[in-house]
Amino acid sequence: MAVVLIPLDSSKSSEYCIEYYLKYLHREGNQVHTCYVSDYFGDVGVLEGPTPGRIRELEEEDKRKAAAIEAGVTKIFQSAHIDGNFTRLTAKNPWHKIIEHSKAIHATLIVIGSRGMGKVRRTIMGSVSESVLHHSDIPVLICKHPSEKHH
């Protein structure tokens, strides 16, 4: 039995990850965990960023996004007759939280999407999927949506 973690966001790449997992990897008895990592706004200082009111708006927007992702994945799992679960996590560094969560659930595989950032943006910002791949102690499958062209 595998314990699979599929980190999600609202991209096409994430949806494709679930589809790919279900089509090619899922086996009866696998435990399927999905997660969404919300931004952490807890220690943003007054002079460093948005106002407290704007932070609340961003947090509410993020909660709505997480709820929409959860509803979508729940629908997919119900259609496939899979008893999967969803966890909303919060962190400054999503890749770190994904690794931490994979250890907490004793995952044996991470299936994560590639958002297809360009070379410059990826160099400046880093890539969550690349960081997960680099820091994980377990196998990581990075799913690239077929519509993303290699640059």
Protein backbone atom coordinates (compact mmCIF):
# COMPACT_ATOMS: atom_id res chain seq x y z
CA MET A 1 0.00 0.00 0.00
CA ALA A 2 1.31 3.43 -0.96
CA VAL A 3 0.67 6.65 0.90
CA VAL A 4 0.52 9.33 -1.77
CA LEU A 5 0.63 13.09 -1.23
CA ILE A 6 -0.60 15.35 -4.02
CA PRO A 7 0.01 19.05 -3.25
CA LEU A 8 -2.43 21.27 -5.14
CA ASP A 9 -2.98 24.85 -6.17
CA SER A 10 -5.53 26.34 -8.55
CA SER A 11 -3.50 25.67 -11.70
CA LYS A 12 -4.25 23.33 -14.62
CA SER A 13 -1.06 21.53 -13.65
CA SER A 14 -2.54 20.49 -10.30
CA GLU A 15 -5.71 19.17 -11.86
CA TYR A 16 -3.59 17.25 -14.34
CA CYS A 17 -1.59 15.72 -11.45
CA ILE A 18 -4.71 14.18 -9.99
CA GLU A 19 -5.85 12.92 -13.40
CA TYR A 20 -2.40 11.47 -14.10
CA TYR A 21 -2.22 9.82 -10.69
CA LEU A 22 -5.67 8.25 -11.10
CA LYS A 23 -5.01 7.04 -14.65
CA TYR A 24 -1.49 5.65 -14.26
CA LEU A 25 -0.55 5.19 -10.61
CA HIS A 26 -3.52 4.57 -8.34
CA ARG A 27 -3.95 1.10 -6.90
CA GLU A 28 -6.71 -0.15 -4.65
CA GLY A 29 -5.63 0.27 -1.05
CA ASN A 30 -3.49 3.36 -1.65
CA GLN A 31 -4.03 6.21 0.79
CA VAL A 32 -4.41 9.45 -1.15
CA HIS A 33 -3.75 12.74 0.62
CA THR A 34 -4.08 16.12 -1.04
CA CYS A 35 -3.03 19.44 0.40
CA TYR A 36 -3.06 23.13 -0.38
CA VAL A 37 -0.48 25.45 1.18
CA SER A 38 -1.91 28.87 2.00
CA ASP A 39 0.25 31.94 2.32
CA TYR A 40 1.23 32.92 5.86
CA PHE A 41 0.61 36.57 6.70
CA GLY A 42 1.09 36.30 10.48
CA ASP A 43 4.26 38.31 10.95
CA VAL A 44 3.98 40.92 8.22
CA GLY A 45 4.85 44.23 9.85
CA VAL A 46 2.93 47.46 9.27
CA LEU A 47 5.82 49.00 7.34
CA GLU A 48 6.57 45.81 5.40
CA GLY A 49 3.43 45.18 3.47
CA PRO A 50 -0.34 45.42 3.24
CA THR A 51 -2.56 46.94 5.89
CA PRO A 52 -4.24 44.66 8.46
CA GLY A 53 -7.52 45.06 6.58
CA ARG A 54 -5.91 44.03 3.31
CA ILE A 55 -4.26 41.07 5.04
CA ARG A 56 -7.70 39.90 6.24
CA GLU A 57 -9.01 40.25 2.67
CA LEU A 58 -6.10 38.20 1.33
CA GLU A 59 -6.65 35.54 4.00
CA GLU A 60 -10.37 35.33 3.16
CA GLU A 61 -9.56 35.11 -0.55
CA ASP A 62 -7.10 32.33 0.20
CA LYS A 63 -9.70 30.44 2.28
CA ARG A 64 -12.15 30.65 -0.63
CA LYS A 65 -9.47 29.38 -3.01
CA ALA A 66 -8.70 26.46 -0.68
CA ALA A 67 -12.40 25.63 -0.35
CA ALA A 68 -12.79 25.63 -4.15
CA ILE A 69 -9.77 23.34 -4.54
CA GLU A 70 -11.11 21.01 -1.85
CA ALA A 71 -14.54 20.89 -3.53
CA GLY A 72 -12.94 20.09 -6.88
CA VAL A 73 -10.73 17.32 -5.57
CA THR A 74 -13.59 15.86 -3.52
CA LYS A 75 -15.72 15.69 -6.66
CA ILE A 76 -12.92 13.98 -8.60
CA PHE A 77 -12.37 11.44 -5.81
CA GLN A 78 -16.08 10.71 -5.51
CA SER A 79 -16.30 10.10 -9.27
CA ALA A 80 -13.34 7.73 -9.05
CA HIS A 81 -14.69 6.06 -5.87
CA ILE A 82 -11.57 6.96 -3.92
CA ASP A 83 -11.54 7.83 -0.26
CA GLY A 84 -8.99 10.63 -0.36
CA ASN A 85 -8.54 13.52 2.01
CA PHE A 86 -7.66 17.21 1.81
CA THR A 87 -5.63 19.31 4.23
CA ARG A 88 -5.19 23.08 4.13
CA LEU A 89 -1.75 24.03 5.39
CA THR A 90 -0.22 27.45 6.01
CA ALA A 91 3.42 28.40 5.50
CA LYS A 92 5.83 31.04 4.26
CA ASN A 93 7.71 28.39 2.27
CA PRO A 94 5.27 25.98 0.61
CA TRP A 95 7.92 23.42 -0.34
CA HIS A 96 9.06 23.13 3.28
CA LYS A 97 5.50 22.61 4.52
CA ILE A 98 4.88 19.98 1.83
CA ILE A 99 7.98 18.05 2.94
CA GLU A 100 6.94 18.39 6.59
CA HIS A 101 3.41 17.17 5.82
CA SER A 102 4.71 14.24 3.76
CA LYS A 103 6.69 13.09 6.80
CA ALA A 104 3.73 13.57 9.14
CA ILE A 105 1.49 11.31 7.03
CA HIS A 106 4.33 8.85 6.29
CA ALA A 107 3.98 9.40 2.55
CA THR A 108 5.78 7.03 0.22
CA LEU A 109 5.33 9.18 -2.91
CA ILE A 110 4.70 12.84 -3.75
CA VAL A 111 2.97 13.69 -7.03
CA ILE A 112 3.29 17.42 -7.72
CA GLY A 113 2.63 19.70 -10.65
CA SER A 114 5.02 21.97 -12.45
CA ARG A 115 3.54 25.37 -13.08
CA GLY A 116 5.71 25.90 -16.12
CA MET A 117 7.43 29.10 -15.02
CA GLY A 118 9.90 30.60 -17.44
CA LYS A 119 13.62 30.25 -16.83
CA VAL A 120 14.10 33.81 -15.50
CA ARG A 121 11.14 33.70 -13.11
CA ARG A 122 12.14 30.25 -11.85
CA THR A 123 15.72 31.45 -11.29
CA ILE A 124 14.58 34.46 -9.27
CA MET A 125 11.71 32.87 -7.33
CA GLY A 126 12.63 29.22 -7.26
CA SER A 127 10.21 26.45 -8.00
CA VAL A 128 8.14 24.71 -5.35
CA SER A 129 8.23 21.43 -7.27
CA GLU A 130 12.01 21.63 -7.75
CA SER A 131 12.52 22.40 -4.05
CA VAL A 132 10.29 19.49 -3.05
CA LEU A 133 12.24 17.21 -5.40
CA HIS A 134 15.57 18.42 -4.01
CA HIS A 135 14.65 18.14 -0.31
CA SER A 136 12.41 15.06 -0.26
CA ASP A 137 13.56 11.75 1.19
CA ILE A 138 10.92 9.89 -0.84
CA PRO A 139 10.25 9.63 -4.59
CA VAL A 140 8.73 12.71 -6.21
CA LEU A 141 6.89 12.65 -9.53
CA ILE A 142 6.64 16.07 -11.19
CA CYS A 143 3.73 16.19 -13.62
CA LYS A 144 3.94 18.76 -16.37
CA HIS A 145 0.67 19.64 -18.07
CA PRO A 146 0.80 18.63 -21.76
CA SER A 147 -0.01 22.19 -22.85
CA GLU A 148 3.18 23.52 -21.22
CA LYS A 149 5.92 23.73 -23.79
CA HIS A 150 9.54 23.19 -22.90
CA HIS A 151 11.54 26.43 -23.12
